[in-house]
């Protein structure tokens, strides 16, 4: 799977998650300081969102200090459904009920172990077809 991976900081957590994604065999498109770029959270969130929305990647994994700003920035891109998650159950629900396409984590409180559990849930949960009408409402902006 092609995954946009972005953060406004390069940290031990982003290094661990990047290695985890690579170990899973995903092709990464890296954005921000983990790629050696000087970008702030708003720009990283937008660029990850654009990669997802254009179909250049299948999914996104995104970070900022709290995860909130990156989520907001990514969700400004039409077609993006970024979900700020704190645990595996939330990541699974975001995929199942919201057909989320960008997983966002906060750098401040997320441990590598919890991030690994969230990635497991994210990549093994499919969208519930019964939610398609709600997702269509989001896409129409109503």
N, C-alpha and C. Protein backbone atom coordinates (compact mmCIF):
# COMPACT_ATOMS: atom_id res chain seq x y z
N UNK A 1 0.84 -1.18 0.00
CA UNK A 1 0.00 0.00 0.00
C UNK A 1 0.89 1.24 0.00
N UNK A 2 0.47 2.26 -0.70
CA UNK A 2 1.17 3.54 -0.73
C UNK A 2 0.62 4.42 0.39
N UNK A 3 1.50 4.93 1.24
CA UNK A 3 1.10 5.68 2.42
C UNK A 3 1.85 7.01 2.47
N UNK A 4 1.10 8.11 2.59
CA UNK A 4 1.71 9.42 2.86
C UNK A 4 2.01 9.46 4.35
N UNK A 5 3.23 9.80 4.69
CA UNK A 5 3.69 9.83 6.07
C UNK A 5 4.22 11.22 6.34
N UNK A 6 3.60 11.95 7.27
CA UNK A 6 4.03 13.31 7.51
C UNK A 6 4.02 13.72 8.96
N UNK A 7 4.93 14.62 9.29
CA UNK A 7 5.00 15.18 10.64
C UNK A 7 5.69 16.53 10.56
N UNK A 8 5.38 17.38 11.52
CA UNK A 8 6.07 18.66 11.59
C UNK A 8 7.33 18.56 12.45
N UNK A 9 7.58 17.38 13.01
CA UNK A 9 8.80 17.11 13.77
C UNK A 9 9.27 15.70 13.47
N UNK A 10 10.57 15.50 13.55
CA UNK A 10 11.14 14.16 13.48
C UNK A 10 11.46 13.77 14.92
N UNK A 11 10.82 12.72 15.40
CA UNK A 11 10.97 12.31 16.79
C UNK A 11 11.21 10.80 16.87
N UNK A 12 11.45 10.32 18.06
CA UNK A 12 11.57 8.87 18.26
C UNK A 12 10.29 8.16 17.83
N UNK A 13 9.13 8.79 18.08
CA UNK A 13 7.86 8.18 17.68
C UNK A 13 7.73 8.13 16.16
N UNK A 14 8.04 9.22 15.48
CA UNK A 14 7.93 9.18 14.01
C UNK A 14 8.92 8.18 13.43
N UNK A 15 10.11 8.08 14.01
CA UNK A 15 11.07 7.08 13.54
C UNK A 15 10.53 5.67 13.73
N UNK A 16 9.91 5.41 14.90
CA UNK A 16 9.37 4.08 15.19
C UNK A 16 8.21 3.74 14.26
N UNK A 17 7.32 4.69 14.03
CA UNK A 17 6.17 4.43 13.16
C UNK A 17 6.62 4.28 11.71
N UNK A 18 7.57 5.08 11.30
CA UNK A 18 8.08 4.95 9.93
C UNK A 18 8.67 3.55 9.73
N UNK A 19 9.47 3.08 10.69
CA UNK A 19 10.04 1.74 10.60
C UNK A 19 8.95 0.68 10.61
N UNK A 20 7.94 0.87 11.43
CA UNK A 20 6.81 -0.07 11.50
C UNK A 20 6.11 -0.16 10.14
N UNK A 21 5.84 0.99 9.54
CA UNK A 21 5.18 1.00 8.23
C UNK A 21 6.05 0.34 7.16
N UNK A 22 7.33 0.61 7.19
CA UNK A 22 8.23 -0.03 6.22
C UNK A 22 8.30 -1.53 6.44
N UNK A 23 8.32 -1.96 7.72
CA UNK A 23 8.33 -3.40 8.03
C UNK A 23 7.07 -4.09 7.52
N UNK A 24 5.97 -3.36 7.45
CA UNK A 24 4.71 -3.91 6.93
C UNK A 24 4.72 -3.97 5.40
N UNK A 25 5.74 -3.39 4.78
CA UNK A 25 5.85 -3.44 3.33
C UNK A 25 5.20 -2.28 2.60
N UNK A 26 4.81 -1.23 3.32
CA UNK A 26 4.17 -0.08 2.68
C UNK A 26 5.22 0.79 1.98
N UNK A 27 4.82 1.38 0.87
CA UNK A 27 5.64 2.34 0.15
C UNK A 27 5.31 3.71 0.73
N UNK A 28 6.31 4.38 1.30
CA UNK A 28 6.06 5.65 1.98
C UNK A 28 6.41 6.85 1.11
N UNK A 29 5.55 7.86 1.19
CA UNK A 29 5.78 9.17 0.60
C UNK A 29 5.92 10.11 1.80
N UNK A 30 7.15 10.47 2.15
CA UNK A 30 7.44 11.17 3.39
C UNK A 30 7.39 12.68 3.18
N UNK A 31 6.71 13.37 4.12
CA UNK A 31 6.52 14.82 4.06
C UNK A 31 6.98 15.43 5.37
N UNK A 32 7.69 16.55 5.29
CA UNK A 32 8.07 17.29 6.49
C UNK A 32 9.45 16.93 7.00
N UNK A 33 9.75 17.34 8.23
CA UNK A 33 11.06 17.10 8.81
C UNK A 33 11.57 15.66 8.73
N UNK A 34 10.70 14.62 8.80
CA UNK A 34 11.25 13.27 8.62
C UNK A 34 11.88 13.06 7.23
N UNK A 35 11.53 13.92 6.27
CA UNK A 35 12.12 13.85 4.93
C UNK A 35 13.20 14.93 4.74
N UNK A 36 13.52 15.64 5.83
CA UNK A 36 14.53 16.69 5.75
C UNK A 36 13.99 18.03 5.29
N UNK A 37 12.65 18.19 5.23
CA UNK A 37 12.04 19.45 4.82
C UNK A 37 11.69 20.29 6.05
N UNK A 38 11.79 21.58 5.92
CA UNK A 38 11.36 22.50 6.98
C UNK A 38 9.92 22.89 6.73
N UNK A 39 8.98 22.19 7.33
CA UNK A 39 7.56 22.48 7.14
C UNK A 39 6.85 22.51 8.49
N UNK A 40 5.87 23.39 8.59
CA UNK A 40 5.05 23.48 9.79
C UNK A 40 3.83 22.56 9.66
N UNK A 41 3.13 22.37 10.77
CA UNK A 41 2.02 21.42 10.81
C UNK A 41 0.95 21.71 9.76
N UNK A 42 0.63 22.97 9.51
CA UNK A 42 -0.42 23.29 8.54
C UNK A 42 -0.03 22.82 7.14
N UNK A 43 1.22 23.03 6.78
CA UNK A 43 1.69 22.62 5.46
C UNK A 43 1.82 21.10 5.34
N UNK A 44 2.31 20.46 6.40
CA UNK A 44 2.43 19.00 6.39
C UNK A 44 1.05 18.36 6.27
N UNK A 45 0.10 18.85 7.07
CA UNK A 45 -1.26 18.31 7.02
C UNK A 45 -1.89 18.47 5.64
N UNK A 46 -1.73 19.64 5.06
CA UNK A 46 -2.29 19.89 3.73
C UNK A 46 -1.65 18.99 2.69
N UNK A 47 -0.31 18.86 2.72
CA UNK A 47 0.37 18.05 1.71
C UNK A 47 0.02 16.57 1.82
N UNK A 48 -0.08 16.05 3.05
CA UNK A 48 -0.52 14.66 3.21
C UNK A 48 -1.94 14.52 2.69
N UNK A 49 -2.81 15.47 3.04
CA UNK A 49 -4.19 15.44 2.55
C UNK A 49 -4.26 15.45 1.03
N UNK A 50 -3.46 16.28 0.39
CA UNK A 50 -3.47 16.35 -1.06
C UNK A 50 -3.02 15.03 -1.70
N UNK A 51 -2.02 14.40 -1.12
CA UNK A 51 -1.56 13.11 -1.66
C UNK A 51 -2.67 12.06 -1.58
N UNK A 52 -3.42 12.09 -0.48
CA UNK A 52 -4.53 11.15 -0.32
C UNK A 52 -5.67 11.50 -1.28
N UNK A 53 -6.04 12.76 -1.33
CA UNK A 53 -7.19 13.18 -2.14
C UNK A 53 -6.98 12.96 -3.63
N UNK A 54 -5.75 13.11 -4.09
CA UNK A 54 -5.48 12.93 -5.52
C UNK A 54 -5.33 11.46 -5.90
N UNK A 55 -5.25 10.59 -4.90
CA UNK A 55 -5.07 9.16 -5.18
C UNK A 55 -3.62 8.77 -5.40
N UNK A 56 -2.69 9.71 -5.16
CA UNK A 56 -1.28 9.37 -5.28
C UNK A 56 -0.87 8.32 -4.24
N UNK A 57 -1.61 8.30 -3.12
CA UNK A 57 -1.41 7.30 -2.07
C UNK A 57 -2.77 6.72 -1.68
N UNK A 58 -2.73 5.60 -0.99
CA UNK A 58 -3.96 4.94 -0.56
C UNK A 58 -4.43 5.41 0.81
N UNK A 59 -3.51 5.90 1.62
CA UNK A 59 -3.83 6.26 3.00
C UNK A 59 -2.76 7.22 3.49
N UNK A 60 -3.06 7.90 4.60
CA UNK A 60 -2.09 8.80 5.20
C UNK A 60 -1.91 8.51 6.68
N UNK A 61 -0.70 8.76 7.18
CA UNK A 61 -0.40 8.71 8.61
C UNK A 61 0.29 10.03 8.91
N UNK A 62 -0.24 10.76 9.88
CA UNK A 62 0.13 12.15 10.08
C UNK A 62 0.30 12.44 11.57
N UNK A 63 1.24 13.32 11.89
CA UNK A 63 1.53 13.69 13.28
C UNK A 63 1.68 15.20 13.42
N UNK A 64 1.34 15.71 14.57
CA UNK A 64 1.82 16.98 15.09
C UNK A 64 1.78 16.85 16.61
N UNK A 65 2.15 17.89 17.34
CA UNK A 65 2.31 17.76 18.79
C UNK A 65 1.06 17.19 19.46
N UNK A 66 -0.10 17.78 19.20
CA UNK A 66 -1.35 17.25 19.77
C UNK A 66 -2.13 16.41 18.76
N UNK A 67 -1.82 16.57 17.49
CA UNK A 67 -2.56 15.92 16.42
C UNK A 67 -3.73 16.76 15.91
N UNK A 68 -4.13 17.72 16.69
CA UNK A 68 -5.30 18.53 16.34
C UNK A 68 -5.06 19.40 15.11
N UNK A 69 -3.97 20.15 15.10
CA UNK A 69 -3.70 21.05 13.99
C UNK A 69 -3.52 20.31 12.67
N UNK A 70 -2.78 19.21 12.71
CA UNK A 70 -2.57 18.42 11.49
C UNK A 70 -3.89 17.86 10.99
N UNK A 71 -4.76 17.44 11.92
CA UNK A 71 -6.09 16.93 11.53
C UNK A 71 -6.90 18.01 10.83
N UNK A 72 -6.92 19.19 11.42
CA UNK A 72 -7.67 20.30 10.83
C UNK A 72 -7.12 20.63 9.44
N UNK A 73 -5.80 20.72 9.32
CA UNK A 73 -5.19 21.07 8.04
C UNK A 73 -5.51 20.02 6.97
N UNK A 74 -5.39 18.75 7.32
CA UNK A 74 -5.68 17.69 6.34
C UNK A 74 -7.15 17.71 5.94
N UNK A 75 -8.02 17.93 6.91
CA UNK A 75 -9.46 17.91 6.62
C UNK A 75 -9.94 19.10 5.80
N UNK A 76 -9.10 20.10 5.60
CA UNK A 76 -9.44 21.21 4.72
C UNK A 76 -9.38 20.80 3.24
N UNK A 77 -8.73 19.66 2.97
CA UNK A 77 -8.59 19.18 1.59
C UNK A 77 -9.82 18.35 1.25
N UNK A 78 -10.59 18.74 0.22
CA UNK A 78 -11.77 17.96 -0.15
C UNK A 78 -11.43 16.49 -0.42
N UNK A 79 -12.24 15.62 0.14
CA UNK A 79 -12.04 14.18 -0.03
C UNK A 79 -11.25 13.53 1.08
N UNK A 80 -10.72 14.34 1.98
CA UNK A 80 -9.95 13.80 3.10
C UNK A 80 -10.86 13.64 4.31
N UNK A 81 -10.70 12.51 4.98
CA UNK A 81 -11.39 12.24 6.24
C UNK A 81 -10.31 11.82 7.24
N UNK A 82 -9.65 12.83 7.82
CA UNK A 82 -8.57 12.60 8.78
C UNK A 82 -9.18 12.41 10.16
N UNK A 83 -8.68 11.40 10.87
CA UNK A 83 -9.19 11.09 12.21
C UNK A 83 -8.04 11.11 13.21
N UNK A 84 -8.18 11.96 14.22
CA UNK A 84 -7.22 12.00 15.32
C UNK A 84 -7.57 10.86 16.26
N UNK A 85 -6.66 9.92 16.40
CA UNK A 85 -6.93 8.71 17.19
C UNK A 85 -5.94 8.59 18.34
N UNK A 86 -6.41 8.00 19.42
CA UNK A 86 -5.59 7.82 20.61
C UNK A 86 -5.40 6.36 21.00
N UNK A 87 -6.14 5.47 20.34
CA UNK A 87 -6.02 4.05 20.65
C UNK A 87 -6.54 3.23 19.47
N UNK A 88 -6.35 1.92 19.56
CA UNK A 88 -6.73 1.03 18.47
C UNK A 88 -8.23 1.01 18.21
N UNK A 89 -9.03 1.06 19.27
CA UNK A 89 -10.48 1.03 19.09
C UNK A 89 -10.96 2.26 18.32
N UNK A 90 -10.39 3.42 18.62
CA UNK A 90 -10.77 4.63 17.90
C UNK A 90 -10.31 4.56 16.45
N UNK A 91 -9.11 4.05 16.21
CA UNK A 91 -8.62 3.92 14.83
C UNK A 91 -9.50 2.95 14.04
N UNK A 92 -9.88 1.85 14.65
CA UNK A 92 -10.75 0.89 13.98
C UNK A 92 -12.11 1.51 13.67
N UNK A 93 -12.69 2.21 14.64
CA UNK A 93 -13.98 2.86 14.43
C UNK A 93 -13.92 3.93 13.36
N UNK A 94 -12.81 4.66 13.31
CA UNK A 94 -12.67 5.71 12.29
C UNK A 94 -12.67 5.09 10.89
N UNK A 95 -12.03 3.95 10.74
CA UNK A 95 -12.05 3.26 9.44
C UNK A 95 -13.43 2.68 9.17
N UNK A 96 -14.00 1.99 10.15
CA UNK A 96 -15.26 1.26 9.96
C UNK A 96 -16.42 2.22 9.69
N UNK A 97 -16.61 3.18 10.55
CA UNK A 97 -17.82 4.00 10.48
C UNK A 97 -17.66 5.30 9.72
N UNK A 98 -16.41 5.78 9.59
CA UNK A 98 -16.18 7.06 8.94
C UNK A 98 -15.40 6.96 7.65
N UNK A 99 -14.97 5.75 7.28
CA UNK A 99 -14.13 5.53 6.11
C UNK A 99 -12.97 6.53 6.10
N UNK A 100 -12.38 6.76 7.29
CA UNK A 100 -11.27 7.69 7.42
C UNK A 100 -10.11 7.23 6.54
N UNK A 101 -9.43 8.20 5.94
CA UNK A 101 -8.32 7.86 5.05
C UNK A 101 -6.99 8.45 5.49
N UNK A 102 -6.99 9.20 6.59
CA UNK A 102 -5.75 9.70 7.19
C UNK A 102 -5.81 9.45 8.69
N UNK A 103 -4.86 8.69 9.20
CA UNK A 103 -4.73 8.44 10.63
C UNK A 103 -3.82 9.51 11.21
N UNK A 104 -4.32 10.23 12.22
CA UNK A 104 -3.53 11.29 12.84
C UNK A 104 -3.26 10.90 14.29
N UNK A 105 -2.00 11.10 14.70
CA UNK A 105 -1.59 10.82 16.07
C UNK A 105 -0.89 12.03 16.66
N UNK A 106 -1.06 12.21 17.95
CA UNK A 106 -0.35 13.27 18.66
C UNK A 106 1.02 12.79 19.09
N UNK A 107 2.03 13.62 18.88
CA UNK A 107 3.38 13.27 19.29
C UNK A 107 3.55 13.30 20.81
N UNK A 108 2.76 14.12 21.47
CA UNK A 108 2.93 14.35 22.90
C UNK A 108 2.63 13.13 23.75
N UNK A 109 1.54 12.40 23.44
CA UNK A 109 1.09 11.33 24.32
C UNK A 109 1.11 9.94 23.73
N UNK A 110 1.41 9.79 22.46
CA UNK A 110 1.35 8.47 21.83
C UNK A 110 2.67 7.73 22.02
N UNK A 111 2.58 6.51 22.52
CA UNK A 111 3.77 5.67 22.65
C UNK A 111 3.93 4.83 21.39
N UNK A 112 5.13 4.35 21.11
CA UNK A 112 5.32 3.47 19.96
C UNK A 112 4.42 2.22 20.03
N UNK A 113 4.19 1.70 21.21
CA UNK A 113 3.36 0.50 21.35
C UNK A 113 1.90 0.79 20.98
N UNK A 114 1.37 1.91 21.46
CA UNK A 114 -0.01 2.29 21.12
C UNK A 114 -0.10 2.62 19.63
N UNK A 115 0.92 3.28 19.09
CA UNK A 115 0.92 3.58 17.65
C UNK A 115 0.88 2.29 16.85
N UNK A 116 1.65 1.29 17.25
CA UNK A 116 1.66 0.00 16.56
C UNK A 116 0.26 -0.63 16.59
N UNK A 117 -0.39 -0.59 17.74
CA UNK A 117 -1.75 -1.13 17.85
C UNK A 117 -2.72 -0.36 16.95
N UNK A 118 -2.56 0.96 16.88
CA UNK A 118 -3.43 1.75 16.01
C UNK A 118 -3.20 1.40 14.54
N UNK A 119 -1.95 1.22 14.16
CA UNK A 119 -1.66 0.83 12.78
C UNK A 119 -2.26 -0.54 12.45
N UNK A 120 -2.16 -1.48 13.40
CA UNK A 120 -2.79 -2.79 13.19
C UNK A 120 -4.28 -2.62 12.90
N UNK A 121 -4.94 -1.84 13.74
CA UNK A 121 -6.39 -1.62 13.58
C UNK A 121 -6.69 -0.89 12.27
N UNK A 122 -5.92 0.12 11.97
CA UNK A 122 -6.14 0.94 10.78
C UNK A 122 -6.06 0.12 9.50
N UNK A 123 -5.04 -0.72 9.40
CA UNK A 123 -4.80 -1.45 8.17
C UNK A 123 -5.56 -2.77 8.08
N UNK A 124 -6.27 -3.16 9.13
CA UNK A 124 -7.04 -4.41 9.07
C UNK A 124 -8.55 -4.17 9.14
N UNK A 125 -8.98 -2.93 9.23
CA UNK A 125 -10.41 -2.62 9.32
C UNK A 125 -10.89 -2.00 8.02
N UNK A 126 -11.97 -2.56 7.48
CA UNK A 126 -12.59 -2.02 6.28
C UNK A 126 -13.77 -1.13 6.64
N UNK A 127 -14.13 -0.28 5.72
CA UNK A 127 -15.29 0.58 5.90
C UNK A 127 -16.57 -0.25 5.86
N UNK A 128 -17.51 0.09 6.71
CA UNK A 128 -18.82 -0.57 6.75
C UNK A 128 -19.66 -0.03 5.59
N UNK A 129 -20.07 -0.89 4.66
CA UNK A 129 -20.86 -0.43 3.51
C UNK A 129 -22.16 0.26 3.91
N UNK A 130 -22.71 -0.08 5.08
CA UNK A 130 -23.94 0.57 5.54
C UNK A 130 -23.73 2.05 5.85
N UNK A 131 -22.48 2.46 6.01
CA UNK A 131 -22.17 3.87 6.30
C UNK A 131 -22.00 4.71 5.04
N UNK A 132 -22.06 4.09 3.88
CA UNK A 132 -21.85 4.81 2.62
C UNK A 132 -22.73 6.05 2.47
N UNK A 133 -24.02 6.00 2.85
CA UNK A 133 -24.83 7.22 2.73
C UNK A 133 -24.30 8.37 3.60
N UNK A 134 -23.80 8.07 4.79
CA UNK A 134 -23.24 9.12 5.64
C UNK A 134 -21.96 9.69 5.05
N UNK A 135 -21.12 8.82 4.51
CA UNK A 135 -19.88 9.29 3.88
C UNK A 135 -20.21 10.16 2.68
N UNK A 136 -21.22 9.77 1.90
CA UNK A 136 -21.63 10.58 0.75
C UNK A 136 -22.11 11.96 1.20
N UNK A 137 -22.78 12.04 2.35
CA UNK A 137 -23.23 13.34 2.87
C UNK A 137 -22.01 14.21 3.20
N UNK A 138 -20.99 13.60 3.76
CA UNK A 138 -19.77 14.37 4.05
C UNK A 138 -19.16 14.91 2.77
N UNK A 139 -19.10 14.08 1.76
CA UNK A 139 -18.51 14.50 0.49
C UNK A 139 -19.29 15.63 -0.17
N UNK A 140 -20.61 15.64 0.04
CA UNK A 140 -21.44 16.71 -0.52
C UNK A 140 -21.41 17.96 0.36
N UNK A 141 -20.87 17.83 1.56
CA UNK A 141 -20.80 18.97 2.47
C UNK A 141 -22.09 19.20 3.23
N UNK A 142 -22.94 18.15 3.36
CA UNK A 142 -24.18 18.27 4.12
C UNK A 142 -24.28 17.16 5.12
